[in-house]
N, C-alpha and C. Protein backbone atom coordinates (compact mmCIF):
# COMPACT_ATOMS: atom_id res chain seq x y z
N MET A 1 -54.59 -72.60 -14.76
CA MET A 1 -54.61 -73.99 -14.30
C MET A 1 -53.97 -74.08 -12.91
N ILE A 2 -54.68 -74.67 -11.99
CA ILE A 2 -54.19 -74.83 -10.62
C ILE A 2 -53.55 -76.20 -10.47
N VAL A 3 -52.37 -76.26 -9.87
CA VAL A 3 -51.71 -77.53 -9.56
C VAL A 3 -51.67 -77.67 -8.05
N THR A 4 -52.21 -78.76 -7.53
CA THR A 4 -52.31 -78.93 -6.09
C THR A 4 -52.24 -80.40 -5.71
N GLN A 5 -51.81 -80.67 -4.49
CA GLN A 5 -51.82 -82.03 -3.96
C GLN A 5 -53.04 -82.27 -3.07
N ASP A 6 -53.93 -81.29 -3.01
CA ASP A 6 -55.08 -81.33 -2.10
C ASP A 6 -56.30 -81.92 -2.82
N VAL A 7 -56.59 -83.19 -2.55
CA VAL A 7 -57.71 -83.85 -3.22
C VAL A 7 -59.04 -83.21 -2.84
N SER A 8 -59.15 -82.70 -1.61
CA SER A 8 -60.40 -82.06 -1.17
C SER A 8 -60.67 -80.79 -1.97
N TYR A 9 -59.61 -80.04 -2.26
CA TYR A 9 -59.78 -78.82 -3.05
C TYR A 9 -60.28 -79.14 -4.45
N VAL A 10 -59.66 -80.13 -5.08
CA VAL A 10 -60.06 -80.51 -6.44
C VAL A 10 -61.49 -81.03 -6.45
N ALA A 11 -61.85 -81.81 -5.44
CA ALA A 11 -63.22 -82.33 -5.35
C ALA A 11 -64.21 -81.19 -5.19
N SER A 12 -63.88 -80.22 -4.35
CA SER A 12 -64.75 -79.07 -4.14
C SER A 12 -64.95 -78.29 -5.43
N LEU A 13 -63.89 -78.13 -6.19
CA LEU A 13 -63.97 -77.42 -7.47
C LEU A 13 -64.91 -78.16 -8.43
N MET A 14 -64.79 -79.46 -8.49
CA MET A 14 -65.63 -80.25 -9.40
C MET A 14 -67.09 -80.23 -8.98
N LEU A 15 -67.33 -80.18 -7.68
CA LEU A 15 -68.70 -80.20 -7.18
C LEU A 15 -69.38 -78.84 -7.25
N SER A 16 -68.59 -77.77 -7.20
CA SER A 16 -69.18 -76.44 -7.11
C SER A 16 -69.25 -75.69 -8.44
N THR A 17 -68.42 -76.09 -9.40
CA THR A 17 -68.32 -75.33 -10.65
C THR A 17 -68.64 -76.22 -11.84
N GLN A 18 -69.70 -75.90 -12.54
CA GLN A 18 -70.11 -76.70 -13.69
C GLN A 18 -69.06 -76.65 -14.81
N SER A 19 -68.96 -77.72 -15.54
CA SER A 19 -68.07 -77.92 -16.69
C SER A 19 -66.59 -78.01 -16.28
N THR A 20 -66.32 -78.27 -15.00
CA THR A 20 -64.94 -78.40 -14.54
C THR A 20 -64.30 -79.70 -15.05
N VAL A 21 -63.08 -79.57 -15.56
CA VAL A 21 -62.29 -80.73 -15.98
C VAL A 21 -60.94 -80.66 -15.27
N VAL A 22 -60.52 -81.77 -14.68
CA VAL A 22 -59.25 -81.82 -13.96
C VAL A 22 -58.43 -83.00 -14.46
N ALA A 23 -57.14 -82.96 -14.16
CA ALA A 23 -56.28 -84.12 -14.38
C ALA A 23 -55.90 -84.69 -13.03
N TYR A 24 -55.77 -86.00 -12.97
CA TYR A 24 -55.46 -86.66 -11.69
C TYR A 24 -54.67 -87.94 -11.97
N PRO A 25 -53.89 -88.40 -10.97
CA PRO A 25 -53.06 -89.59 -11.19
C PRO A 25 -53.87 -90.87 -11.03
N THR A 26 -53.52 -91.87 -11.83
CA THR A 26 -54.08 -93.21 -11.64
C THR A 26 -52.93 -94.20 -11.51
N GLU A 27 -53.27 -95.45 -11.45
CA GLU A 27 -52.25 -96.50 -11.31
C GLU A 27 -51.45 -96.71 -12.59
N THR A 28 -51.84 -96.04 -13.67
CA THR A 28 -51.10 -96.17 -14.94
C THR A 28 -50.60 -94.80 -15.40
N PHE A 29 -51.51 -93.94 -15.86
CA PHE A 29 -51.17 -92.59 -16.34
C PHE A 29 -52.02 -91.57 -15.61
N TYR A 30 -51.82 -90.28 -15.92
CA TYR A 30 -52.75 -89.25 -15.46
C TYR A 30 -54.00 -89.30 -16.34
N GLY A 31 -55.15 -89.08 -15.72
CA GLY A 31 -56.41 -89.11 -16.44
C GLY A 31 -57.09 -87.75 -16.40
N LEU A 32 -58.03 -87.54 -17.32
CA LEU A 32 -58.86 -86.35 -17.32
C LEU A 32 -60.20 -86.70 -16.68
N GLY A 33 -60.56 -85.91 -15.68
CA GLY A 33 -61.76 -86.22 -14.92
C GLY A 33 -62.81 -85.15 -14.97
N ALA A 34 -64.04 -85.59 -15.17
CA ALA A 34 -65.22 -84.75 -15.06
C ALA A 34 -66.30 -85.57 -14.36
N ARG A 35 -67.17 -84.91 -13.63
CA ARG A 35 -68.31 -85.63 -13.05
C ARG A 35 -69.17 -86.17 -14.19
N ILE A 36 -69.60 -87.42 -14.07
CA ILE A 36 -70.35 -88.01 -15.18
C ILE A 36 -71.75 -87.42 -15.29
N ASP A 37 -72.22 -86.74 -14.23
CA ASP A 37 -73.54 -86.08 -14.31
C ASP A 37 -73.43 -84.63 -14.75
N ASP A 38 -72.23 -84.21 -15.15
CA ASP A 38 -72.00 -82.85 -15.65
C ASP A 38 -71.78 -82.95 -17.17
N ALA A 39 -72.87 -82.87 -17.92
CA ALA A 39 -72.80 -83.08 -19.38
C ALA A 39 -71.84 -82.10 -20.05
N GLN A 40 -71.84 -80.85 -19.58
CA GLN A 40 -70.96 -79.85 -20.20
C GLN A 40 -69.49 -80.24 -20.04
N ALA A 41 -69.15 -80.76 -18.86
CA ALA A 41 -67.76 -81.16 -18.60
C ALA A 41 -67.37 -82.37 -19.44
N VAL A 42 -68.28 -83.35 -19.55
CA VAL A 42 -68.01 -84.54 -20.35
C VAL A 42 -67.78 -84.14 -21.81
N GLU A 43 -68.62 -83.27 -22.33
CA GLU A 43 -68.48 -82.82 -23.72
C GLU A 43 -67.21 -81.98 -23.91
N ARG A 44 -66.82 -81.26 -22.85
CA ARG A 44 -65.61 -80.45 -22.92
C ARG A 44 -64.36 -81.34 -23.06
N ILE A 45 -64.37 -82.49 -22.41
CA ILE A 45 -63.23 -83.40 -22.51
C ILE A 45 -63.01 -83.83 -23.96
N VAL A 46 -64.11 -84.10 -24.66
CA VAL A 46 -63.99 -84.49 -26.06
C VAL A 46 -63.33 -83.38 -26.87
N ARG A 47 -63.71 -82.13 -26.58
CA ARG A 47 -63.10 -80.99 -27.30
C ARG A 47 -61.63 -80.84 -26.92
N ILE A 48 -61.30 -81.04 -25.64
CA ILE A 48 -59.92 -80.91 -25.17
C ILE A 48 -59.02 -81.94 -25.85
N LYS A 49 -59.49 -83.17 -25.92
CA LYS A 49 -58.68 -84.25 -26.49
C LYS A 49 -58.71 -84.25 -28.01
N GLY A 50 -59.78 -83.72 -28.58
CA GLY A 50 -59.92 -83.76 -30.02
C GLY A 50 -60.19 -85.16 -30.52
N ARG A 51 -60.86 -85.95 -29.71
CA ARG A 51 -61.10 -87.35 -30.06
C ARG A 51 -62.47 -87.54 -30.69
N ASP A 52 -62.67 -88.69 -31.31
CA ASP A 52 -63.99 -89.02 -31.85
C ASP A 52 -64.96 -89.21 -30.69
N ALA A 53 -66.11 -88.58 -30.80
CA ALA A 53 -67.07 -88.58 -29.70
C ALA A 53 -67.71 -89.94 -29.45
N ASP A 54 -67.61 -90.85 -30.41
CA ASP A 54 -68.31 -92.12 -30.25
C ASP A 54 -67.45 -93.22 -29.64
N ARG A 55 -66.24 -92.88 -29.22
CA ARG A 55 -65.34 -93.91 -28.69
C ARG A 55 -65.63 -94.27 -27.24
N GLY A 56 -66.28 -93.38 -26.53
CA GLY A 56 -66.58 -93.65 -25.12
C GLY A 56 -65.40 -93.33 -24.21
N MET A 57 -65.69 -93.29 -22.90
CA MET A 57 -64.66 -93.03 -21.90
C MET A 57 -64.89 -93.98 -20.72
N ILE A 58 -63.80 -94.38 -20.11
CA ILE A 58 -63.92 -95.20 -18.90
C ILE A 58 -64.46 -94.33 -17.77
N VAL A 59 -65.25 -94.94 -16.89
CA VAL A 59 -65.77 -94.26 -15.71
C VAL A 59 -65.12 -94.87 -14.47
N LEU A 60 -64.50 -94.04 -13.65
CA LEU A 60 -63.95 -94.49 -12.37
C LEU A 60 -65.00 -94.36 -11.29
N VAL A 61 -65.13 -95.39 -10.47
CA VAL A 61 -66.08 -95.37 -9.36
C VAL A 61 -65.34 -95.72 -8.07
N HIS A 62 -66.00 -95.43 -6.95
CA HIS A 62 -65.37 -95.66 -5.64
C HIS A 62 -65.58 -97.08 -5.14
N ASP A 63 -66.72 -97.68 -5.48
CA ASP A 63 -67.05 -99.00 -4.94
C ASP A 63 -68.06 -99.71 -5.83
N ILE A 64 -68.29 -100.99 -5.52
CA ILE A 64 -69.23 -101.81 -6.30
C ILE A 64 -70.64 -101.23 -6.26
N GLU A 65 -71.02 -100.68 -5.11
CA GLU A 65 -72.37 -100.12 -4.97
C GLU A 65 -72.61 -99.02 -6.01
N THR A 66 -71.58 -98.24 -6.30
CA THR A 66 -71.71 -97.18 -7.30
C THR A 66 -71.87 -97.77 -8.69
N VAL A 67 -71.20 -98.88 -8.96
CA VAL A 67 -71.34 -99.54 -10.26
C VAL A 67 -72.81 -99.86 -10.52
N LEU A 68 -73.51 -100.30 -9.49
CA LEU A 68 -74.92 -100.69 -9.64
C LEU A 68 -75.80 -99.53 -10.06
N ARG A 69 -75.35 -98.29 -9.83
CA ARG A 69 -76.15 -97.13 -10.20
C ARG A 69 -75.97 -96.76 -11.67
N ILE A 70 -74.89 -97.23 -12.28
CA ILE A 70 -74.63 -96.80 -13.66
C ILE A 70 -74.59 -97.96 -14.65
N ALA A 71 -74.65 -99.19 -14.16
CA ALA A 71 -74.55 -100.34 -15.06
C ALA A 71 -75.38 -101.50 -14.50
N LYS A 72 -75.67 -102.44 -15.40
CA LYS A 72 -76.38 -103.65 -15.00
C LYS A 72 -75.36 -104.74 -14.74
N ILE A 73 -75.45 -105.32 -13.54
CA ILE A 73 -74.44 -106.29 -13.14
C ILE A 73 -75.09 -107.31 -12.20
N GLY A 74 -74.93 -108.59 -12.51
CA GLY A 74 -75.52 -109.65 -11.70
C GLY A 74 -74.73 -109.93 -10.45
N PRO A 75 -75.34 -110.64 -9.49
CA PRO A 75 -74.68 -110.93 -8.20
C PRO A 75 -73.36 -111.69 -8.36
N GLY A 76 -73.32 -112.68 -9.28
CA GLY A 76 -72.09 -113.45 -9.46
C GLY A 76 -70.94 -112.59 -9.95
N LEU A 77 -71.25 -111.71 -10.88
CA LEU A 77 -70.22 -110.81 -11.41
C LEU A 77 -69.80 -109.79 -10.37
N GLN A 78 -70.74 -109.33 -9.58
CA GLN A 78 -70.40 -108.41 -8.48
C GLN A 78 -69.36 -109.05 -7.56
N GLU A 79 -69.59 -110.31 -7.24
CA GLU A 79 -68.69 -111.03 -6.33
C GLU A 79 -67.31 -111.20 -6.96
N ALA A 80 -67.29 -111.52 -8.25
CA ALA A 80 -66.01 -111.71 -8.93
C ALA A 80 -65.21 -110.41 -8.98
N LEU A 81 -65.88 -109.33 -9.34
CA LEU A 81 -65.19 -108.04 -9.46
C LEU A 81 -64.73 -107.54 -8.09
N ALA A 82 -65.49 -107.85 -7.05
CA ALA A 82 -65.10 -107.45 -5.69
C ALA A 82 -63.79 -108.12 -5.28
N LYS A 83 -63.50 -109.29 -5.85
CA LYS A 83 -62.24 -109.99 -5.55
C LYS A 83 -61.08 -109.40 -6.35
N ILE A 84 -61.38 -108.78 -7.49
CA ILE A 84 -60.32 -108.24 -8.36
C ILE A 84 -60.03 -106.78 -8.07
N TRP A 85 -61.06 -105.98 -7.93
CA TRP A 85 -60.91 -104.54 -7.72
C TRP A 85 -60.54 -104.21 -6.29
N PRO A 86 -59.84 -103.07 -6.05
CA PRO A 86 -59.33 -102.12 -7.03
C PRO A 86 -58.12 -102.66 -7.79
N ALA A 87 -58.11 -102.40 -9.10
CA ALA A 87 -57.03 -102.89 -9.96
C ALA A 87 -57.09 -102.17 -11.29
N ALA A 88 -56.04 -102.32 -12.07
CA ALA A 88 -55.98 -101.70 -13.40
C ALA A 88 -56.74 -102.55 -14.41
N LEU A 89 -57.98 -102.86 -14.06
CA LEU A 89 -58.87 -103.64 -14.91
C LEU A 89 -60.16 -102.86 -15.11
N SER A 90 -60.43 -102.50 -16.37
CA SER A 90 -61.68 -101.83 -16.72
C SER A 90 -62.58 -102.85 -17.40
N VAL A 91 -63.85 -102.86 -17.03
CA VAL A 91 -64.78 -103.83 -17.62
C VAL A 91 -65.93 -103.10 -18.28
N ILE A 92 -66.39 -103.66 -19.39
CA ILE A 92 -67.51 -103.08 -20.11
C ILE A 92 -68.78 -103.82 -19.72
N LEU A 93 -69.78 -103.04 -19.31
CA LEU A 93 -71.06 -103.58 -18.84
C LEU A 93 -72.20 -102.90 -19.58
N ALA A 94 -73.38 -103.49 -19.50
CA ALA A 94 -74.57 -102.84 -20.04
C ALA A 94 -74.85 -101.59 -19.21
N ALA A 95 -75.02 -100.46 -19.87
CA ALA A 95 -75.12 -99.17 -19.18
C ALA A 95 -76.53 -98.83 -18.76
N SER A 96 -76.62 -98.04 -17.70
CA SER A 96 -77.89 -97.44 -17.31
C SER A 96 -78.32 -96.46 -18.40
N PRO A 97 -79.62 -96.42 -18.73
CA PRO A 97 -80.06 -95.50 -19.79
C PRO A 97 -79.87 -94.03 -19.43
N ALA A 98 -79.64 -93.73 -18.15
CA ALA A 98 -79.49 -92.34 -17.72
C ALA A 98 -78.11 -91.77 -18.05
N LEU A 99 -77.16 -92.61 -18.44
CA LEU A 99 -75.80 -92.13 -18.69
C LEU A 99 -75.72 -91.30 -19.96
N HIS A 100 -74.81 -90.31 -19.94
CA HIS A 100 -74.55 -89.49 -21.12
C HIS A 100 -74.12 -90.41 -22.27
N PRO A 101 -74.62 -90.21 -23.48
CA PRO A 101 -74.26 -91.07 -24.61
C PRO A 101 -72.76 -91.15 -24.87
N LEU A 102 -72.01 -90.09 -24.55
CA LEU A 102 -70.56 -90.13 -24.75
C LEU A 102 -69.89 -91.13 -23.82
N LEU A 103 -70.55 -91.46 -22.71
CA LEU A 103 -69.99 -92.42 -21.76
C LEU A 103 -70.48 -93.83 -22.03
N ALA A 104 -71.54 -93.94 -22.80
CA ALA A 104 -72.17 -95.25 -23.02
C ALA A 104 -72.51 -95.47 -24.49
N PRO A 105 -71.51 -95.43 -25.36
CA PRO A 105 -71.79 -95.68 -26.78
C PRO A 105 -72.32 -97.10 -26.97
N GLY A 106 -73.38 -97.22 -27.74
CA GLY A 106 -73.96 -98.54 -27.97
C GLY A 106 -74.61 -99.14 -26.75
N GLY A 107 -74.90 -98.30 -25.74
CA GLY A 107 -75.55 -98.80 -24.54
C GLY A 107 -74.63 -99.55 -23.59
N LYS A 108 -73.30 -99.37 -23.76
CA LYS A 108 -72.33 -100.05 -22.90
C LYS A 108 -71.43 -99.01 -22.22
N VAL A 109 -71.00 -99.30 -21.00
CA VAL A 109 -70.11 -98.39 -20.27
C VAL A 109 -68.93 -99.16 -19.71
N ALA A 110 -67.74 -98.56 -19.78
CA ALA A 110 -66.53 -99.15 -19.21
C ALA A 110 -66.32 -98.58 -17.80
N VAL A 111 -66.08 -99.45 -16.83
CA VAL A 111 -66.02 -99.05 -15.42
C VAL A 111 -64.77 -99.64 -14.76
N ARG A 112 -64.21 -98.89 -13.79
CA ARG A 112 -63.05 -99.39 -13.04
C ARG A 112 -63.03 -98.78 -11.65
N ILE A 113 -62.52 -99.53 -10.69
CA ILE A 113 -62.17 -98.99 -9.37
C ILE A 113 -60.65 -98.92 -9.32
N SER A 114 -60.12 -97.72 -9.22
CA SER A 114 -58.67 -97.52 -9.27
C SER A 114 -58.03 -97.82 -7.93
N PRO A 115 -56.85 -98.46 -7.94
CA PRO A 115 -56.12 -98.66 -6.68
C PRO A 115 -55.29 -97.45 -6.26
N HIS A 116 -55.23 -96.42 -7.12
CA HIS A 116 -54.43 -95.25 -6.74
C HIS A 116 -55.16 -94.48 -5.64
N PRO A 117 -54.49 -94.17 -4.53
CA PRO A 117 -55.18 -93.53 -3.40
C PRO A 117 -55.82 -92.18 -3.74
N LEU A 118 -55.19 -91.37 -4.59
CA LEU A 118 -55.78 -90.07 -4.92
C LEU A 118 -56.97 -90.22 -5.86
N ALA A 119 -56.87 -91.12 -6.82
CA ALA A 119 -58.01 -91.37 -7.72
C ALA A 119 -59.17 -91.94 -6.92
N ARG A 120 -58.87 -92.86 -6.03
CA ARG A 120 -59.92 -93.48 -5.19
C ARG A 120 -60.52 -92.43 -4.25
N GLY A 121 -59.67 -91.58 -3.70
CA GLY A 121 -60.16 -90.52 -2.82
C GLY A 121 -61.05 -89.54 -3.56
N LEU A 122 -60.68 -89.20 -4.78
CA LEU A 122 -61.47 -88.25 -5.57
C LEU A 122 -62.85 -88.82 -5.88
N THR A 123 -62.92 -90.09 -6.26
CA THR A 123 -64.23 -90.69 -6.55
C THR A 123 -65.06 -90.83 -5.28
N GLY A 124 -64.39 -91.00 -4.14
CA GLY A 124 -65.13 -91.07 -2.88
C GLY A 124 -65.79 -89.75 -2.52
N LEU A 125 -65.14 -88.65 -2.89
CA LEU A 125 -65.67 -87.32 -2.57
C LEU A 125 -66.64 -86.80 -3.63
N VAL A 126 -66.36 -87.11 -4.88
CA VAL A 126 -67.10 -86.51 -5.99
C VAL A 126 -68.18 -87.43 -6.55
N GLY A 127 -67.94 -88.75 -6.47
CA GLY A 127 -68.79 -89.70 -7.17
C GLY A 127 -68.10 -90.14 -8.44
N PRO A 128 -68.81 -90.84 -9.32
CA PRO A 128 -68.19 -91.35 -10.55
C PRO A 128 -67.63 -90.23 -11.42
N ILE A 129 -66.42 -90.46 -11.95
CA ILE A 129 -65.79 -89.47 -12.82
C ILE A 129 -65.25 -90.16 -14.07
N THR A 130 -65.02 -89.36 -15.11
CA THR A 130 -64.43 -89.90 -16.33
C THR A 130 -62.97 -90.24 -16.11
N SER A 131 -62.48 -91.17 -16.92
CA SER A 131 -61.06 -91.51 -16.89
C SER A 131 -60.61 -91.77 -18.32
N THR A 132 -60.01 -90.77 -18.91
CA THR A 132 -59.40 -90.90 -20.23
C THR A 132 -58.04 -90.23 -20.14
N SER A 133 -57.06 -90.75 -20.81
CA SER A 133 -55.69 -90.28 -20.60
C SER A 133 -55.55 -88.77 -20.84
N ALA A 134 -54.70 -88.15 -20.02
CA ALA A 134 -54.51 -86.69 -20.05
C ALA A 134 -53.54 -86.32 -21.17
N ASN A 135 -54.06 -86.26 -22.37
CA ASN A 135 -53.27 -85.89 -23.54
C ASN A 135 -54.23 -85.63 -24.70
N ARG A 136 -53.73 -84.93 -25.70
CA ARG A 136 -54.51 -84.81 -26.92
C ARG A 136 -54.41 -86.12 -27.69
N THR A 137 -55.45 -86.46 -28.40
CA THR A 137 -55.46 -87.70 -29.18
C THR A 137 -54.25 -87.75 -30.09
N GLY A 138 -53.53 -88.88 -30.02
CA GLY A 138 -52.35 -89.06 -30.85
C GLY A 138 -51.05 -88.70 -30.17
N MET A 139 -51.14 -88.04 -29.00
CA MET A 139 -49.94 -87.66 -28.25
C MET A 139 -49.73 -88.64 -27.09
N PRO A 140 -48.51 -88.76 -26.55
CA PRO A 140 -48.26 -89.68 -25.44
C PRO A 140 -49.04 -89.26 -24.18
N PRO A 141 -49.56 -90.22 -23.41
CA PRO A 141 -50.24 -89.88 -22.17
C PRO A 141 -49.26 -89.37 -21.12
N ALA A 142 -49.74 -88.49 -20.25
CA ALA A 142 -48.88 -87.88 -19.23
C ALA A 142 -48.67 -88.80 -18.04
N CYS A 143 -47.45 -88.78 -17.50
CA CYS A 143 -47.11 -89.58 -16.32
C CYS A 143 -46.78 -88.72 -15.10
N SER A 144 -46.93 -87.39 -15.24
CA SER A 144 -46.66 -86.51 -14.11
C SER A 144 -47.48 -85.23 -14.27
N ALA A 145 -47.62 -84.51 -13.16
CA ALA A 145 -48.33 -83.23 -13.22
C ALA A 145 -47.63 -82.26 -14.15
N GLY A 146 -46.29 -82.29 -14.14
CA GLY A 146 -45.52 -81.42 -15.01
C GLY A 146 -45.79 -81.69 -16.48
N GLU A 147 -45.90 -82.95 -16.84
CA GLU A 147 -46.20 -83.30 -18.23
C GLU A 147 -47.59 -82.82 -18.62
N VAL A 148 -48.54 -82.91 -17.69
CA VAL A 148 -49.89 -82.42 -17.97
C VAL A 148 -49.84 -80.92 -18.24
N VAL A 149 -49.14 -80.18 -17.39
CA VAL A 149 -49.05 -78.72 -17.54
C VAL A 149 -48.40 -78.37 -18.88
N ARG A 150 -47.31 -79.06 -19.19
CA ARG A 150 -46.58 -78.76 -20.44
C ARG A 150 -47.38 -79.10 -21.69
N SER A 151 -48.34 -80.00 -21.56
CA SER A 151 -49.14 -80.39 -22.72
C SER A 151 -50.10 -79.28 -23.16
N GLY A 152 -50.33 -78.30 -22.27
CA GLY A 152 -51.16 -77.15 -22.62
C GLY A 152 -52.64 -77.45 -22.74
N LEU A 153 -53.10 -78.50 -22.09
CA LEU A 153 -54.52 -78.85 -22.14
C LEU A 153 -55.36 -77.78 -21.46
N ASP A 154 -56.51 -77.50 -22.00
CA ASP A 154 -57.42 -76.48 -21.45
C ASP A 154 -58.24 -77.08 -20.32
N ILE A 155 -57.59 -77.25 -19.16
CA ILE A 155 -58.27 -77.82 -17.99
C ILE A 155 -58.14 -76.87 -16.81
N ASP A 156 -58.88 -77.16 -15.74
CA ASP A 156 -58.97 -76.22 -14.62
C ASP A 156 -57.98 -76.49 -13.50
N ALA A 157 -57.61 -77.76 -13.31
CA ALA A 157 -56.72 -78.09 -12.19
C ALA A 157 -56.02 -79.41 -12.46
N VAL A 158 -54.87 -79.59 -11.80
CA VAL A 158 -54.14 -80.86 -11.83
C VAL A 158 -53.95 -81.30 -10.38
N LEU A 159 -54.40 -82.51 -10.08
CA LEU A 159 -54.16 -83.10 -8.77
C LEU A 159 -52.81 -83.81 -8.86
N ASP A 160 -51.82 -83.25 -8.20
CA ASP A 160 -50.43 -83.71 -8.32
C ASP A 160 -50.18 -84.88 -7.37
N GLY A 161 -50.01 -86.05 -7.95
CA GLY A 161 -49.69 -87.23 -7.15
C GLY A 161 -48.34 -87.80 -7.47
N GLY A 162 -47.47 -86.94 -8.02
CA GLY A 162 -46.14 -87.40 -8.38
C GLY A 162 -46.14 -88.20 -9.67
N GLU A 163 -45.09 -88.98 -9.85
CA GLU A 163 -44.93 -89.77 -11.08
C GLU A 163 -45.82 -91.02 -11.03
N THR A 164 -46.46 -91.34 -12.15
CA THR A 164 -47.22 -92.59 -12.25
C THR A 164 -46.41 -93.60 -13.04
N PRO A 165 -46.72 -94.90 -12.92
CA PRO A 165 -45.90 -95.93 -13.55
C PRO A 165 -45.85 -95.88 -15.08
N GLY A 166 -46.96 -95.42 -15.69
CA GLY A 166 -46.99 -95.41 -17.14
C GLY A 166 -46.98 -96.81 -17.70
N ALA A 167 -46.15 -97.05 -18.68
CA ALA A 167 -46.00 -98.37 -19.33
C ALA A 167 -47.27 -98.76 -20.07
N MET A 168 -48.19 -99.43 -19.38
CA MET A 168 -49.40 -99.93 -20.03
C MET A 168 -50.65 -99.34 -19.40
N PRO A 169 -51.72 -99.15 -20.18
CA PRO A 169 -52.98 -98.68 -19.63
C PRO A 169 -53.70 -99.83 -18.92
N SER A 170 -54.88 -99.57 -18.43
CA SER A 170 -55.66 -100.62 -17.79
C SER A 170 -56.08 -101.66 -18.83
N THR A 171 -56.19 -102.89 -18.39
CA THR A 171 -56.73 -103.96 -19.24
C THR A 171 -58.22 -103.71 -19.41
N LEU A 172 -58.72 -103.92 -20.63
CA LEU A 172 -60.13 -103.64 -20.93
C LEU A 172 -60.81 -104.93 -21.37
N VAL A 173 -61.85 -105.33 -20.62
CA VAL A 173 -62.54 -106.59 -20.88
C VAL A 173 -64.03 -106.34 -21.05
N ASP A 174 -64.60 -106.88 -22.12
CA ASP A 174 -66.03 -106.75 -22.38
C ASP A 174 -66.76 -107.90 -21.69
N LEU A 175 -67.67 -107.55 -20.78
CA LEU A 175 -68.43 -108.56 -20.04
C LEU A 175 -69.91 -108.55 -20.41
N THR A 176 -70.23 -108.04 -21.58
CA THR A 176 -71.65 -107.93 -21.95
C THR A 176 -72.17 -109.18 -22.66
N SER A 177 -71.30 -110.16 -22.90
CA SER A 177 -71.76 -111.42 -23.47
C SER A 177 -71.42 -112.55 -22.51
N ASP A 178 -71.76 -113.78 -22.89
CA ASP A 178 -71.56 -114.92 -21.99
C ASP A 178 -70.08 -115.18 -21.69
N THR A 179 -69.22 -114.88 -22.65
CA THR A 179 -67.78 -115.12 -22.49
C THR A 179 -67.02 -113.80 -22.45
N PRO A 180 -66.22 -113.56 -21.41
CA PRO A 180 -65.42 -112.33 -21.36
C PRO A 180 -64.50 -112.20 -22.57
N VAL A 181 -64.43 -111.00 -23.13
CA VAL A 181 -63.59 -110.75 -24.30
C VAL A 181 -62.60 -109.65 -23.95
N CYS A 182 -61.32 -109.92 -24.10
CA CYS A 182 -60.29 -108.92 -23.82
C CYS A 182 -60.13 -108.01 -25.03
N LEU A 183 -60.46 -106.75 -24.87
CA LEU A 183 -60.34 -105.77 -25.95
C LEU A 183 -58.99 -105.07 -25.92
N ARG A 184 -58.36 -105.03 -24.75
CA ARG A 184 -57.05 -104.39 -24.63
C ARG A 184 -56.27 -105.05 -23.49
N GLU A 185 -55.19 -105.70 -23.84
CA GLU A 185 -54.32 -106.29 -22.82
C GLU A 185 -53.49 -105.17 -22.22
N GLY A 186 -53.52 -105.05 -20.89
CA GLY A 186 -52.83 -103.94 -20.25
C GLY A 186 -52.09 -104.35 -19.00
N ALA A 187 -52.20 -103.53 -17.96
CA ALA A 187 -51.41 -103.71 -16.75
C ALA A 187 -51.78 -104.95 -15.95
N VAL A 188 -52.99 -105.46 -16.14
CA VAL A 188 -53.41 -106.69 -15.47
C VAL A 188 -53.52 -107.79 -16.53
N ALA A 189 -52.89 -108.93 -16.31
CA ALA A 189 -52.92 -110.02 -17.29
C ALA A 189 -54.33 -110.60 -17.39
N PHE A 190 -54.86 -110.63 -18.59
CA PHE A 190 -56.21 -111.15 -18.82
C PHE A 190 -56.33 -112.59 -18.32
N GLU A 191 -55.29 -113.40 -18.55
CA GLU A 191 -55.35 -114.80 -18.15
C GLU A 191 -55.44 -114.97 -16.64
N GLU A 192 -54.99 -113.96 -15.90
CA GLU A 192 -55.06 -114.05 -14.43
C GLU A 192 -56.47 -113.82 -13.91
N VAL A 193 -57.21 -112.93 -14.57
CA VAL A 193 -58.56 -112.61 -14.07
C VAL A 193 -59.65 -113.42 -14.76
N LEU A 194 -59.33 -114.04 -15.89
CA LEU A 194 -60.34 -114.78 -16.65
C LEU A 194 -61.03 -115.88 -15.82
N PRO A 195 -60.28 -116.69 -15.04
CA PRO A 195 -60.96 -117.74 -14.25
C PRO A 195 -62.01 -117.16 -13.29
N LEU A 196 -61.70 -116.04 -12.66
CA LEU A 196 -62.66 -115.40 -11.76
C LEU A 196 -63.88 -114.91 -12.51
N LEU A 197 -63.65 -114.28 -13.67
CA LEU A 197 -64.74 -113.74 -14.45
C LEU A 197 -65.62 -114.84 -15.03
N MET A 198 -65.01 -115.95 -15.44
CA MET A 198 -65.75 -117.06 -15.99
C MET A 198 -66.58 -117.75 -14.91
N GLY A 199 -66.04 -117.72 -13.70
CA GLY A 199 -66.77 -118.34 -12.59
C GLY A 199 -67.97 -117.57 -12.13
N SER A 200 -68.12 -116.31 -12.64
CA SER A 200 -69.24 -115.48 -12.21
C SER A 200 -70.53 -115.89 -12.91
């Protein structure tokens, strides 16, 4: 396992080597990242975490334009999310049929633009990547590169961005029906973003 602060190196590894899985810092915890178009890597994350394959994974993207490639989103909602993102808010949208089923259970995909500079930089270089906490299912999520290493996860590299805030994960909101539904209250208060989302 390679530990580095060089986002370009980690991006190059993900782009050049199939089934690559890395850990990287976000605005909450460290996440496990694989290119969403690398089916072997996505499936490997499920084996690494030991999680149920039907739970889905959040997808980190660099910008709203990328969201349009993987999900269905109307102009009003685009405008609302552009006012909120980047933020610790993940939203569930109707997924593109081209997405791996592990990323879009039930035809829905969870998407976020991270405000963390390294996570944002990685998605800018690599494209959309998975974002699921860097830990085995049932264990505490990692808040540092050292914690990721000590967890013994079978991954290829850790992008070291120092300590992350931890505390709460991203807020998760389902936007696939007429009324936004908060599935997980997290780092962003649902009541703060609800007026914007309702106005879309």
